[in-house]
N, C-alpha and C. Protein backbone atom coordinates (compact mmCIF):
# COMPACT_ATOMS: atom_id res chain seq x y z
N MET A 1 7.53 -24.04 24.89
CA MET A 1 6.62 -22.86 25.62
C MET A 1 6.93 -23.03 26.95
N SER A 2 7.46 -21.77 27.25
CA SER A 2 7.91 -21.36 28.76
C SER A 2 6.39 -21.56 29.62
N GLY A 3 6.82 -21.38 31.03
CA GLY A 3 5.90 -21.52 31.91
C GLY A 3 4.96 -20.45 32.11
N SER A 4 5.48 -19.12 32.05
CA SER A 4 4.78 -17.96 31.87
C SER A 4 3.85 -17.85 30.62
N PRO A 5 4.27 -18.08 29.43
CA PRO A 5 3.42 -17.64 28.03
C PRO A 5 2.31 -18.84 28.14
N PHE A 6 2.81 -20.11 28.82
CA PHE A 6 1.92 -21.22 28.76
C PHE A 6 0.62 -20.77 29.72
N THR A 7 0.77 -20.65 30.77
CA THR A 7 0.07 -20.17 31.72
C THR A 7 -1.05 -19.28 31.07
N SER A 8 -0.50 -18.09 30.59
CA SER A 8 -1.23 -16.70 30.10
C SER A 8 -2.11 -17.09 29.10
N THR A 9 -1.45 -17.95 28.05
CA THR A 9 -2.14 -18.26 26.88
C THR A 9 -3.26 -19.19 27.12
N LEU A 10 -2.98 -20.35 28.02
CA LEU A 10 -4.00 -20.95 28.57
C LEU A 10 -5.29 -20.69 29.03
N THR A 11 -4.76 -19.70 29.86
CA THR A 11 -5.84 -19.03 30.77
C THR A 11 -6.69 -18.01 29.81
N LEU A 12 -6.24 -17.41 29.22
CA LEU A 12 -6.70 -16.72 28.07
C LEU A 12 -7.96 -17.49 27.22
N ALA A 13 -7.24 -18.52 26.62
CA ALA A 13 -8.05 -19.43 25.96
C ALA A 13 -9.50 -20.01 26.75
N VAL A 14 -9.29 -20.61 28.13
CA VAL A 14 -10.26 -20.92 28.85
C VAL A 14 -11.27 -20.05 29.22
N GLY A 15 -10.73 -18.91 29.43
CA GLY A 15 -11.70 -17.71 30.01
C GLY A 15 -12.42 -17.39 28.83
N ALA A 16 -11.91 -17.41 27.21
CA ALA A 16 -12.73 -17.24 26.52
C ALA A 16 -13.96 -18.25 26.06
N VAL A 17 -13.65 -19.42 26.40
CA VAL A 17 -14.77 -20.31 26.45
C VAL A 17 -15.85 -19.94 27.41
N LEU A 18 -15.61 -19.68 28.87
CA LEU A 18 -16.59 -19.18 29.45
C LEU A 18 -17.22 -17.98 29.22
N VAL A 19 -16.48 -17.00 28.76
CA VAL A 19 -17.06 -15.80 28.25
C VAL A 19 -18.05 -15.92 27.33
N CYS A 20 -17.69 -16.82 26.33
CA CYS A 20 -18.83 -17.55 25.26
C CYS A 20 -20.12 -18.15 25.75
N ALA A 21 -19.84 -18.87 26.83
CA ALA A 21 -21.05 -19.41 27.46
C ALA A 21 -21.83 -18.49 27.98
N VAL A 22 -21.54 -17.52 28.81
CA VAL A 22 -22.24 -16.47 29.24
C VAL A 22 -22.90 -15.50 28.36
N THR A 23 -22.08 -15.35 27.16
CA THR A 23 -22.71 -14.68 26.03
C THR A 23 -24.02 -15.22 25.57
N VAL A 24 -23.83 -16.63 25.62
CA VAL A 24 -24.92 -17.34 24.82
C VAL A 24 -26.11 -17.44 25.78
N VAL A 25 -26.11 -17.00 26.92
CA VAL A 25 -27.20 -16.87 28.19
C VAL A 25 -27.58 -15.67 27.83
N TRP A 26 -27.08 -14.58 27.55
CA TRP A 26 -27.36 -13.21 27.45
C TRP A 26 -27.97 -12.78 26.12
N LEU A 27 -27.69 -13.63 25.09
CA LEU A 27 -27.95 -13.29 23.73
C LEU A 27 -29.50 -13.86 23.39
N SER A 28 -30.21 -13.27 22.57
CA SER A 28 -31.58 -13.81 22.13
C SER A 28 -31.54 -14.01 20.50
N SER A 29 -30.79 -13.45 19.85
CA SER A 29 -30.59 -13.50 18.40
C SER A 29 -29.94 -14.91 18.28
N VAL A 30 -30.61 -15.83 17.23
CA VAL A 30 -30.14 -16.94 17.01
C VAL A 30 -28.96 -17.08 16.11
N ARG A 31 -28.90 -16.01 15.13
CA ARG A 31 -27.66 -15.93 14.38
C ARG A 31 -26.26 -15.60 15.40
N SER A 32 -26.61 -14.53 16.09
CA SER A 32 -25.44 -14.32 17.06
C SER A 32 -24.93 -15.43 17.83
N VAL A 33 -25.93 -15.95 18.53
CA VAL A 33 -25.62 -17.36 19.31
C VAL A 33 -24.83 -18.40 18.49
N ILE A 34 -24.95 -18.41 17.19
CA ILE A 34 -24.53 -19.37 16.40
C ILE A 34 -22.91 -19.14 16.39
N ARG A 35 -22.59 -17.57 16.17
CA ARG A 35 -21.44 -17.18 16.01
C ARG A 35 -20.65 -17.47 17.37
N VAL A 36 -21.25 -17.09 18.33
CA VAL A 36 -20.41 -17.43 19.41
C VAL A 36 -20.19 -18.65 19.85
N VAL A 37 -20.95 -19.65 19.49
CA VAL A 37 -20.86 -20.90 19.61
C VAL A 37 -19.67 -21.44 18.99
N ALA A 38 -19.62 -20.91 17.69
CA ALA A 38 -18.49 -21.39 16.81
C ALA A 38 -17.28 -20.79 17.53
N PHE A 39 -17.12 -19.41 17.88
CA PHE A 39 -15.96 -18.99 18.65
C PHE A 39 -15.84 -19.72 19.94
N GLN A 40 -16.67 -20.12 20.61
CA GLN A 40 -15.99 -21.17 21.56
C GLN A 40 -15.74 -22.58 21.08
N GLY A 41 -16.04 -23.10 20.15
CA GLY A 41 -15.50 -24.05 19.42
C GLY A 41 -13.93 -23.88 19.06
N VAL A 42 -13.69 -22.80 18.87
CA VAL A 42 -12.46 -22.25 18.14
C VAL A 42 -11.49 -22.28 19.47
N ALA A 43 -12.18 -21.41 20.45
CA ALA A 43 -11.30 -21.12 21.78
C ALA A 43 -10.85 -22.86 22.59
N LEU A 44 -11.85 -23.65 22.36
CA LEU A 44 -11.84 -24.93 23.03
C LEU A 44 -10.65 -25.60 22.39
N GLY A 45 -10.51 -25.68 21.06
CA GLY A 45 -9.49 -26.26 20.16
C GLY A 45 -8.15 -25.31 20.43
N LEU A 46 -7.98 -24.03 20.88
CA LEU A 46 -7.00 -23.41 21.07
C LEU A 46 -6.32 -23.93 22.26
N VAL A 47 -7.68 -24.28 23.35
CA VAL A 47 -7.13 -24.97 24.76
C VAL A 47 -6.25 -26.09 24.34
N VAL A 48 -6.68 -27.10 23.73
CA VAL A 48 -6.11 -28.32 23.44
C VAL A 48 -4.81 -28.21 22.89
N LEU A 49 -4.67 -27.15 21.67
CA LEU A 49 -3.67 -26.78 21.01
C LEU A 49 -2.42 -26.57 21.77
N VAL A 50 -2.76 -25.57 22.97
CA VAL A 50 -1.98 -24.93 23.56
C VAL A 50 -1.21 -25.93 24.67
N VAL A 51 -2.24 -26.85 25.39
CA VAL A 51 -1.70 -28.08 26.02
C VAL A 51 -0.79 -28.93 25.26
N GLY A 52 -1.19 -29.40 24.13
CA GLY A 52 -0.54 -30.02 23.24
C GLY A 52 1.01 -29.69 22.81
N VAL A 53 1.21 -28.47 22.63
CA VAL A 53 2.39 -27.86 22.34
C VAL A 53 3.11 -27.56 23.29
N HIS A 54 2.51 -27.40 24.74
CA HIS A 54 3.14 -27.40 25.81
C HIS A 54 3.88 -28.82 26.33
N LEU A 55 3.06 -29.80 26.12
CA LEU A 55 3.41 -31.16 26.27
C LEU A 55 4.50 -31.87 25.23
N GLY A 56 4.38 -31.13 24.03
CA GLY A 56 5.10 -31.55 22.73
C GLY A 56 4.54 -32.85 22.40
N ASP A 57 3.12 -32.84 22.54
CA ASP A 57 2.29 -34.36 22.24
C ASP A 57 1.53 -34.17 20.72
N PRO A 58 2.14 -35.00 19.69
CA PRO A 58 1.41 -34.67 18.59
C PRO A 58 0.16 -35.14 18.57
N GLY A 59 -0.27 -36.25 19.17
CA GLY A 59 -1.67 -36.76 19.28
C GLY A 59 -2.59 -35.65 19.67
N LEU A 60 -2.33 -34.60 20.65
CA LEU A 60 -3.11 -33.61 21.03
C LEU A 60 -2.95 -32.45 20.04
N ILE A 61 -2.22 -32.46 19.48
CA ILE A 61 -2.03 -31.32 18.58
C ILE A 61 -3.35 -31.80 17.23
N ALA A 62 -3.04 -32.97 16.95
CA ALA A 62 -4.01 -33.77 15.98
C ALA A 62 -5.34 -33.48 16.41
N THR A 63 -5.54 -33.69 17.92
CA THR A 63 -6.97 -33.53 18.55
C THR A 63 -7.57 -32.36 18.21
N ALA A 64 -6.68 -31.23 18.62
CA ALA A 64 -7.08 -29.71 18.66
C ALA A 64 -7.55 -29.53 16.98
N ALA A 65 -6.74 -30.10 15.85
CA ALA A 65 -7.28 -29.79 14.50
C ALA A 65 -8.74 -30.51 14.40
N VAL A 66 -8.93 -31.55 15.08
CA VAL A 66 -10.17 -32.26 15.21
C VAL A 66 -11.41 -31.21 15.89
N VAL A 67 -11.01 -30.92 16.90
CA VAL A 67 -11.94 -30.06 17.76
C VAL A 67 -12.39 -28.42 16.70
N LEU A 68 -11.38 -28.09 16.14
CA LEU A 68 -11.49 -26.87 15.67
C LEU A 68 -12.29 -27.16 14.28
N ALA A 69 -12.22 -28.33 13.77
CA ALA A 69 -12.97 -28.56 12.50
C ALA A 69 -14.44 -28.95 12.62
N VAL A 70 -14.80 -29.85 13.83
CA VAL A 70 -15.87 -30.25 14.38
C VAL A 70 -16.78 -29.25 14.96
N LYS A 71 -16.08 -28.56 16.10
CA LYS A 71 -16.62 -27.72 17.21
C LYS A 71 -16.66 -25.95 16.62
N GLY A 72 -15.74 -25.84 15.92
CA GLY A 72 -15.62 -24.62 15.31
C GLY A 72 -16.20 -24.11 14.06
N ILE A 73 -16.42 -25.26 13.25
CA ILE A 73 -16.73 -24.95 11.98
C ILE A 73 -18.18 -25.86 11.52
N ALA A 74 -18.03 -27.53 11.51
CA ALA A 74 -18.85 -28.23 11.34
C ALA A 74 -20.28 -28.01 11.90
N MET A 75 -20.14 -27.95 13.26
CA MET A 75 -21.45 -28.05 14.08
C MET A 75 -21.94 -26.50 13.85
N PRO A 76 -21.32 -25.53 14.06
CA PRO A 76 -22.03 -24.25 13.94
C PRO A 76 -22.72 -24.09 12.44
N PHE A 77 -21.83 -24.68 11.31
CA PHE A 77 -22.52 -24.75 10.05
C PHE A 77 -23.92 -25.29 10.01
N LEU A 78 -24.06 -26.38 10.67
CA LEU A 78 -24.90 -27.26 10.69
C LEU A 78 -26.25 -26.34 11.77
N LEU A 79 -25.89 -25.95 12.50
CA LEU A 79 -26.81 -25.01 13.28
C LEU A 79 -27.51 -24.24 12.61
N GLU A 80 -26.73 -23.42 11.73
CA GLU A 80 -27.21 -22.17 11.05
C GLU A 80 -28.12 -22.94 9.56
N ARG A 81 -27.79 -24.01 9.13
CA ARG A 81 -28.53 -24.68 8.44
C ARG A 81 -29.86 -24.85 8.64
N SER A 82 -30.08 -25.39 10.18
CA SER A 82 -31.19 -25.66 10.71
C SER A 82 -32.00 -24.62 10.83
N GLY A 83 -31.69 -23.29 10.92
CA GLY A 83 -32.31 -22.14 10.90
C GLY A 83 -33.34 -21.99 9.66
N GLY A 84 -32.80 -22.93 8.39
CA GLY A 84 -33.67 -22.59 7.51
C GLY A 84 -33.79 -21.34 6.77
N GLY A 85 -32.91 -20.43 6.96
CA GLY A 85 -32.74 -19.25 6.28
C GLY A 85 -33.57 -18.15 7.03
N ALA A 86 -34.27 -18.50 8.14
CA ALA A 86 -35.17 -17.76 8.76
C ALA A 86 -34.91 -17.74 10.22
N LEU A 87 -33.84 -17.22 10.40
CA LEU A 87 -33.11 -17.25 11.87
C LEU A 87 -34.08 -16.10 12.63
N THR A 88 -34.27 -16.48 13.67
CA THR A 88 -35.20 -15.50 14.61
C THR A 88 -34.48 -15.40 15.71
N ARG A 89 -35.21 -14.64 16.79
CA ARG A 89 -34.82 -14.22 18.40
C ARG A 89 -35.46 -14.97 18.94
N GLU A 90 -35.28 -15.39 20.19
CA GLU A 90 -35.71 -16.12 21.41
C GLU A 90 -36.61 -14.86 22.16
N THR A 91 -37.90 -14.85 21.78
CA THR A 91 -38.89 -13.66 22.30
C THR A 91 -39.08 -13.81 23.56
N ARG A 92 -39.35 -15.09 23.99
CA ARG A 92 -40.29 -15.40 25.42
C ARG A 92 -39.50 -16.38 25.87
N PRO A 93 -38.08 -16.45 26.37
CA PRO A 93 -37.30 -17.21 27.24
C PRO A 93 -38.12 -17.52 28.50
N LEU A 94 -37.89 -18.69 29.30
CA LEU A 94 -38.48 -18.84 30.54
C LEU A 94 -38.01 -18.08 31.30
N VAL A 95 -36.76 -17.54 31.28
CA VAL A 95 -35.93 -16.71 32.40
C VAL A 95 -35.64 -15.40 31.60
N ASN A 96 -36.06 -14.38 32.31
CA ASN A 96 -35.67 -13.35 31.40
C ASN A 96 -33.95 -12.77 31.54
N VAL A 97 -33.57 -11.99 30.74
CA VAL A 97 -32.28 -11.61 30.54
C VAL A 97 -31.57 -11.30 31.85
N PRO A 98 -31.90 -10.38 32.52
CA PRO A 98 -31.32 -9.87 33.91
C PRO A 98 -31.38 -11.19 34.71
N ALA A 99 -32.25 -11.79 34.88
CA ALA A 99 -32.36 -13.22 36.08
C ALA A 99 -31.56 -14.32 35.24
N SER A 100 -31.35 -14.11 33.88
CA SER A 100 -30.36 -15.28 33.33
C SER A 100 -28.88 -15.04 33.61
N LEU A 101 -28.62 -13.67 33.66
CA LEU A 101 -27.25 -13.34 34.10
C LEU A 101 -26.84 -13.80 35.49
N VAL A 102 -28.04 -13.48 36.41
CA VAL A 102 -27.82 -13.61 37.85
C VAL A 102 -27.62 -15.00 38.32
N ALA A 103 -28.48 -16.04 37.42
CA ALA A 103 -28.24 -17.33 37.34
C ALA A 103 -26.94 -17.74 37.00
N SER A 104 -26.49 -17.19 35.86
CA SER A 104 -25.08 -17.60 35.47
C SER A 104 -23.88 -17.31 36.22
N ALA A 105 -24.00 -16.29 36.88
CA ALA A 105 -23.26 -15.82 38.10
C ALA A 105 -23.22 -16.67 39.09
N VAL A 106 -24.49 -17.23 39.76
CA VAL A 106 -24.63 -18.27 40.48
C VAL A 106 -24.09 -19.73 40.22
N LEU A 107 -24.15 -20.05 38.82
CA LEU A 107 -23.93 -21.22 38.64
C LEU A 107 -22.27 -21.38 38.45
N ILE A 108 -21.66 -20.17 38.17
CA ILE A 108 -20.00 -19.97 38.04
C ILE A 108 -19.55 -20.14 39.54
N VAL A 109 -20.17 -19.55 40.48
CA VAL A 109 -19.69 -19.67 41.69
C VAL A 109 -19.75 -21.08 42.29
N VAL A 110 -21.16 -21.75 42.05
CA VAL A 110 -21.35 -23.06 42.50
C VAL A 110 -20.20 -23.92 41.86
N ALA A 111 -20.04 -23.88 40.67
CA ALA A 111 -18.96 -24.68 39.93
C ALA A 111 -17.51 -24.53 40.54
N PHE A 112 -17.21 -23.30 40.72
CA PHE A 112 -16.03 -23.17 41.48
C PHE A 112 -15.66 -23.62 42.81
N VAL A 113 -16.73 -23.44 43.50
CA VAL A 113 -16.81 -24.08 44.87
C VAL A 113 -17.00 -25.77 44.97
N ALA A 114 -17.73 -26.20 44.09
CA ALA A 114 -17.97 -27.69 43.98
C ALA A 114 -16.64 -28.42 43.35
N SER A 115 -15.95 -27.81 42.59
CA SER A 115 -14.94 -28.27 41.73
C SER A 115 -13.39 -27.78 42.48
N ARG A 116 -13.39 -27.41 43.61
CA ARG A 116 -12.33 -26.78 44.25
C ARG A 116 -11.50 -28.13 44.37
N GLY A 117 -11.95 -29.28 44.95
CA GLY A 117 -11.11 -30.45 45.47
C GLY A 117 -10.52 -31.09 44.08
N VAL A 118 -11.14 -30.99 43.08
CA VAL A 118 -10.53 -31.60 41.72
C VAL A 118 -9.41 -30.99 41.34
N ALA A 119 -9.73 -29.49 41.41
CA ALA A 119 -8.64 -28.76 40.93
C ALA A 119 -7.45 -28.76 41.97
N HIS A 120 -7.55 -28.98 43.22
CA HIS A 120 -6.54 -29.06 44.20
C HIS A 120 -5.89 -30.49 43.89
N PHE A 121 -6.78 -31.61 43.57
CA PHE A 121 -6.18 -32.79 43.47
C PHE A 121 -5.08 -32.87 42.09
N VAL A 122 -5.62 -32.16 40.65
CA VAL A 122 -5.05 -32.19 40.01
C VAL A 122 -3.65 -31.41 40.02
N GLY A 123 -3.72 -30.48 40.82
CA GLY A 123 -2.36 -29.67 41.26
C GLY A 123 -1.57 -28.95 40.25
N SER A 124 -2.15 -28.56 39.05
CA SER A 124 -1.20 -28.05 37.89
C SER A 124 -2.06 -26.80 37.45
N THR A 125 -1.32 -26.01 36.47
CA THR A 125 -1.98 -24.91 35.87
C THR A 125 -3.62 -25.25 35.33
N GLU A 126 -3.31 -26.43 34.78
CA GLU A 126 -4.39 -27.02 34.15
C GLU A 126 -5.61 -27.15 35.15
N GLY A 127 -5.15 -27.83 36.26
CA GLY A 127 -5.87 -28.21 37.14
C GLY A 127 -6.84 -27.07 37.80
N GLY A 128 -5.97 -26.15 37.91
CA GLY A 128 -6.58 -24.70 38.62
C GLY A 128 -7.56 -24.15 37.59
N LEU A 129 -7.68 -24.56 36.40
CA LEU A 129 -8.83 -24.01 35.55
C LEU A 129 -9.80 -25.00 35.42
N VAL A 130 -10.06 -26.28 35.84
CA VAL A 130 -10.83 -27.08 35.70
C VAL A 130 -12.11 -26.56 35.92
N PRO A 131 -12.56 -25.73 37.22
CA PRO A 131 -13.86 -25.12 37.49
C PRO A 131 -14.36 -24.43 36.38
N VAL A 132 -13.45 -23.78 35.49
CA VAL A 132 -14.28 -23.12 34.24
C VAL A 132 -15.16 -24.14 33.28
N GLY A 133 -14.56 -25.21 33.07
CA GLY A 133 -14.97 -25.98 32.32
C GLY A 133 -16.44 -26.62 32.99
N VAL A 134 -16.22 -26.87 34.46
CA VAL A 134 -17.73 -27.22 35.05
C VAL A 134 -18.71 -25.89 34.68
N ALA A 135 -17.96 -24.99 35.14
CA ALA A 135 -19.15 -23.81 34.63
C ALA A 135 -19.75 -23.81 33.50
N THR A 136 -18.80 -23.99 32.65
CA THR A 136 -19.38 -24.04 31.06
C THR A 136 -20.23 -25.00 30.83
N ALA A 137 -20.22 -26.25 31.45
CA ALA A 137 -21.22 -27.37 31.16
C ALA A 137 -22.70 -26.90 32.07
N LEU A 138 -22.40 -26.22 33.01
CA LEU A 138 -23.59 -25.81 34.21
C LEU A 138 -24.61 -25.10 33.40
N LEU A 139 -23.78 -23.91 32.41
CA LEU A 139 -24.53 -23.07 31.76
C LEU A 139 -25.38 -23.65 30.75
N GLY A 140 -24.62 -24.69 29.91
CA GLY A 140 -25.16 -25.36 28.92
C GLY A 140 -26.41 -26.02 29.27
N PHE A 141 -26.52 -26.73 30.60
CA PHE A 141 -27.76 -27.07 31.30
C PHE A 141 -28.59 -25.86 31.24
N PHE A 142 -28.29 -24.81 31.70
CA PHE A 142 -29.18 -23.71 32.11
C PHE A 142 -29.74 -23.37 30.74
N VAL A 143 -28.88 -23.19 29.68
CA VAL A 143 -29.57 -23.05 28.26
C VAL A 143 -30.79 -23.90 27.90
N LEU A 144 -30.41 -25.08 28.13
CA LEU A 144 -31.23 -26.19 27.79
C LEU A 144 -32.78 -25.91 28.37
N VAL A 145 -32.77 -25.52 29.85
CA VAL A 145 -34.01 -25.26 30.42
C VAL A 145 -34.64 -23.86 30.23
N ALA A 146 -33.74 -22.97 29.89
CA ALA A 146 -34.36 -21.71 29.95
C ALA A 146 -34.73 -21.15 28.74
N LYS A 147 -34.57 -21.76 27.57
CA LYS A 147 -34.83 -21.35 26.36
C LYS A 147 -35.79 -22.22 25.47
N ARG A 148 -36.71 -21.47 24.79
CA ARG A 148 -37.65 -22.31 24.36
C ARG A 148 -37.47 -22.95 22.90
N ARG A 149 -36.87 -22.06 22.14
CA ARG A 149 -36.40 -22.58 20.55
C ARG A 149 -35.57 -23.79 20.62
N PRO A 150 -35.98 -24.86 19.65
CA PRO A 150 -34.88 -26.04 19.83
C PRO A 150 -33.77 -25.86 19.41
N ILE A 151 -33.37 -24.84 18.66
CA ILE A 151 -32.03 -24.65 18.28
C ILE A 151 -31.07 -24.15 19.22
N PHE A 152 -31.78 -23.35 20.31
CA PHE A 152 -31.09 -23.17 21.28
C PHE A 152 -30.91 -24.66 22.49
N GLN A 153 -31.63 -25.38 22.11
CA GLN A 153 -31.56 -26.73 22.79
C GLN A 153 -30.15 -27.45 22.35
N MET A 154 -30.03 -27.34 21.08
CA MET A 154 -28.68 -27.85 20.42
C MET A 154 -27.71 -27.05 20.78
N VAL A 155 -27.70 -25.83 20.81
CA VAL A 155 -26.61 -25.14 21.60
C VAL A 155 -26.27 -25.32 22.87
N GLY A 156 -27.29 -25.44 23.76
CA GLY A 156 -27.23 -25.98 24.93
C GLY A 156 -26.38 -27.14 25.02
N LEU A 157 -26.74 -28.31 24.40
CA LEU A 157 -25.98 -29.68 24.25
C LEU A 157 -24.75 -29.47 23.82
N LEU A 158 -24.34 -28.56 22.95
CA LEU A 158 -22.85 -28.24 22.44
C LEU A 158 -22.12 -27.92 23.65
N MET A 159 -22.55 -26.91 24.38
CA MET A 159 -22.22 -26.12 25.53
C MET A 159 -21.68 -27.08 26.48
N ILE A 160 -22.35 -28.14 26.81
CA ILE A 160 -22.41 -28.98 27.76
C ILE A 160 -21.36 -29.92 27.42
N ASP A 161 -21.27 -30.51 26.05
CA ASP A 161 -20.21 -31.19 25.67
C ASP A 161 -18.82 -30.48 25.72
N ASN A 162 -18.93 -29.09 25.11
CA ASN A 162 -17.53 -28.45 25.16
C ASN A 162 -16.94 -28.04 26.60
N GLY A 163 -18.06 -28.13 27.67
CA GLY A 163 -17.44 -28.09 29.07
C GLY A 163 -16.87 -29.52 29.57
N ILE A 164 -17.58 -30.36 29.22
CA ILE A 164 -17.14 -31.95 29.73
C ILE A 164 -15.86 -31.94 29.06
N ALA A 165 -15.52 -31.61 27.83
CA ALA A 165 -14.37 -31.97 27.01
C ALA A 165 -13.18 -31.08 27.78
N MET A 166 -13.39 -29.85 27.99
CA MET A 166 -12.55 -29.27 28.55
C MET A 166 -11.89 -29.81 30.07
N VAL A 167 -12.93 -29.85 30.68
CA VAL A 167 -12.58 -30.87 31.86
C VAL A 167 -11.66 -31.72 31.80
N ALA A 168 -12.02 -32.79 30.80
CA ALA A 168 -11.26 -33.88 30.34
C ALA A 168 -9.85 -33.53 30.03
N PHE A 169 -9.76 -32.52 29.03
CA PHE A 169 -8.32 -32.18 28.38
C PHE A 169 -7.61 -31.63 29.61
N LEU A 170 -8.03 -30.76 30.66
CA LEU A 170 -7.68 -30.10 31.73
C LEU A 170 -6.93 -31.10 32.82
N CYS A 171 -7.92 -31.86 32.90
CA CYS A 171 -7.46 -32.81 34.17
C CYS A 171 -6.45 -33.94 33.80
N THR A 172 -6.58 -34.50 32.56
CA THR A 172 -5.51 -35.64 32.19
C THR A 172 -4.47 -35.23 30.93
N ALA A 173 -4.34 -33.83 30.73
CA ALA A 173 -3.45 -33.43 29.81
C ALA A 173 -3.65 -34.21 28.34
N GLY A 174 -5.12 -34.07 28.41
CA GLY A 174 -5.44 -34.59 26.92
C GLY A 174 -6.07 -36.06 26.89
N VAL A 175 -7.01 -36.20 26.14
CA VAL A 175 -7.75 -37.68 25.82
C VAL A 175 -7.46 -38.02 24.97
N PRO A 176 -7.09 -39.60 24.87
CA PRO A 176 -6.66 -39.98 23.69
C PRO A 176 -7.34 -39.62 22.24
N PHE A 177 -6.78 -39.48 21.27
CA PHE A 177 -7.28 -38.85 19.71
C PHE A 177 -8.54 -39.66 19.40
N LEU A 178 -8.48 -40.99 19.55
CA LEU A 178 -9.74 -41.56 18.78
C LEU A 178 -10.86 -41.49 19.87
N ILE A 179 -10.71 -41.34 21.15
CA ILE A 179 -11.82 -41.21 21.96
C ILE A 179 -12.26 -39.74 21.71
N GLU A 180 -11.68 -38.61 21.68
CA GLU A 180 -12.12 -37.37 21.34
C GLU A 180 -12.91 -37.23 19.99
N MET A 181 -12.44 -37.91 18.85
CA MET A 181 -12.87 -38.04 17.63
C MET A 181 -14.14 -38.75 17.57
N GLY A 182 -14.46 -39.79 18.47
CA GLY A 182 -15.58 -40.48 18.57
C GLY A 182 -16.74 -39.74 19.18
N VAL A 183 -16.30 -39.04 20.15
CA VAL A 183 -17.25 -38.43 21.14
C VAL A 183 -17.88 -37.25 20.22
N SER A 184 -16.67 -36.43 19.48
CA SER A 184 -17.18 -35.22 18.75
C SER A 184 -18.32 -35.74 17.51
N LEU A 185 -18.04 -37.09 17.00
CA LEU A 185 -18.74 -37.57 15.89
C LEU A 185 -20.05 -37.78 16.51
N ASP A 186 -20.11 -38.38 17.68
CA ASP A 186 -21.56 -38.71 18.45
C ASP A 186 -22.45 -37.38 18.55
N VAL A 187 -21.66 -36.14 18.98
CA VAL A 187 -22.47 -35.17 19.25
C VAL A 187 -22.93 -34.31 18.00
N LEU A 188 -21.97 -34.64 16.97
CA LEU A 188 -22.46 -34.14 15.44
C LEU A 188 -23.59 -34.86 15.05
N LEU A 189 -23.47 -35.99 15.52
CA LEU A 189 -24.72 -37.03 14.86
C LEU A 189 -25.83 -36.52 15.45
N GLY A 190 -25.77 -36.11 16.86
CA GLY A 190 -27.22 -35.83 17.62
C GLY A 190 -27.43 -34.44 17.09
N VAL A 191 -26.72 -33.85 16.68
CA VAL A 191 -27.07 -32.61 16.03
C VAL A 191 -27.64 -32.26 14.79
N VAL A 192 -27.14 -33.30 14.04
CA VAL A 192 -27.68 -33.36 12.58
C VAL A 192 -29.11 -34.22 12.88
N VAL A 193 -29.35 -35.01 13.60
CA VAL A 193 -30.70 -35.59 13.88
C VAL A 193 -31.45 -34.52 14.66
N LEU A 194 -30.94 -33.80 15.43
CA LEU A 194 -32.06 -32.75 15.86
C LEU A 194 -32.37 -31.61 14.67
N MET A 195 -31.10 -31.27 14.05
CA MET A 195 -31.46 -30.41 12.79
C MET A 195 -32.57 -30.91 11.94
N VAL A 196 -32.45 -31.91 11.39
CA VAL A 196 -33.74 -32.70 10.67
C VAL A 196 -34.82 -32.87 11.39
N LEU A 197 -35.00 -32.90 12.61
CA LEU A 197 -36.29 -32.89 13.34
C LEU A 197 -36.77 -31.45 13.37
N ALA A 198 -35.88 -30.57 13.63
CA ALA A 198 -36.37 -29.07 13.74
C ALA A 198 -36.75 -28.52 12.42
N GLN A 199 -36.03 -29.20 11.13
CA GLN A 199 -36.75 -28.80 9.92
C GLN A 199 -37.86 -29.29 9.53
N ARG A 200 -38.15 -30.57 9.97
CA ARG A 200 -39.42 -31.19 9.73
C ARG A 200 -40.59 -30.66 10.40
N LEU A 201 -40.38 -30.20 11.64
CA LEU A 201 -41.20 -29.55 12.66
C LEU A 201 -41.77 -27.95 11.81
N ARG A 202 -40.64 -27.47 11.40
CA ARG A 202 -40.95 -26.24 10.74
C ARG A 202 -41.82 -26.16 9.42
N SER A 203 -41.60 -27.15 8.68
CA SER A 203 -42.25 -27.39 7.69
C SER A 203 -43.85 -28.07 7.94
N GLU A 204 -44.00 -28.49 8.99
CA GLU A 204 -45.13 -28.97 9.29
C GLU A 204 -46.22 -27.74 10.02
N PHE A 205 -45.34 -27.04 10.97
CA PHE A 205 -46.35 -26.15 11.78
C PHE A 205 -45.85 -24.85 11.60
N GLY A 206 -44.66 -24.47 10.92
CA GLY A 206 -44.36 -22.93 10.45
C GLY A 206 -43.52 -22.19 11.58
N ASP A 207 -43.57 -22.84 13.07
CA ASP A 207 -42.74 -22.40 13.90
C ASP A 207 -42.24 -23.41 14.93
N LEU A 208 -41.39 -22.84 15.52
CA LEU A 208 -40.64 -24.18 16.60
C LEU A 208 -40.60 -23.55 18.23
N ASP A 209 -41.44 -22.50 18.47
CA ASP A 209 -41.53 -22.40 19.69
C ASP A 209 -42.25 -23.45 20.41
N LEU A 210 -41.51 -23.94 21.61
CA LEU A 210 -41.84 -24.99 22.21
C LEU A 210 -43.56 -24.99 22.75
N ASP A 211 -43.79 -23.52 23.44
CA ASP A 211 -44.97 -23.42 24.01
C ASP A 211 -46.12 -23.48 22.97
N GLU A 212 -45.87 -23.04 21.54
CA GLU A 212 -47.04 -23.21 20.50
C GLU A 212 -46.81 -24.98 20.27
N LEU A 213 -45.84 -25.71 20.19
CA LEU A 213 -46.22 -27.03 19.86
C LEU A 213 -46.74 -27.74 21.04
N GLN A 214 -46.61 -27.41 22.18
CA GLN A 214 -47.33 -27.87 23.31
C GLN A 214 -48.68 -27.67 23.31
N GLU A 215 -49.09 -26.45 22.57
CA GLU A 215 -50.34 -26.20 22.66
C GLU A 215 -51.07 -27.04 21.52
N LEU A 216 -50.57 -27.28 20.66
CA LEU A 216 -50.64 -28.43 19.44
C LEU A 216 -51.20 -29.82 20.07
N HIS A 217 -50.05 -30.18 20.79
CA HIS A 217 -50.47 -31.59 21.63
C HIS A 217 -51.69 -31.58 22.39
N ASP A 218 -51.72 -30.46 23.27
CA ASP A 218 -52.99 -30.32 24.07
C ASP A 218 -54.12 -30.37 23.42
């Protein structure tokens, strides 16, 4: 893969990851958010695949397959199952949509300013895209604090993991296959645990709005 097609394809894939993160902040439909997260996992897998093909690294290509399977298929499937067939909308977020989009823009700017040194240190096409991974992770943290429904907390966790993984791949030209597989399985286990907890709470209380659960505690 020559330099120009590599740069354009990698930039497109990395940009898709960030666009998905902003879209998650904007959307309120749980079903739509799960689909966007699935697409983000596919885009992240494409990032790894492009780097692997460019470097001619079979290990990275195998890692891309793991990322696609776990982050693009398995985790979104589990998130949809956790909805219990009654996927709803986020009707009362802590931050409304316009304010959320403004906050997203601010976080993206902060990510680019804060990670300029890292991008300059890496000094390659991949390094120049590191701020996008940082921005994705920051947007994941924002989803964790701005949304009320537990399924959005799981989505935020996945976004943070996707952002950190992308930074690792771009900075180091890929992480070892076993490390990425172990991290992916750890996150998958966390999602499974949260899914079981969410289903148990739904069966006991009928809803998963954090404010209503807080009222039960009070």
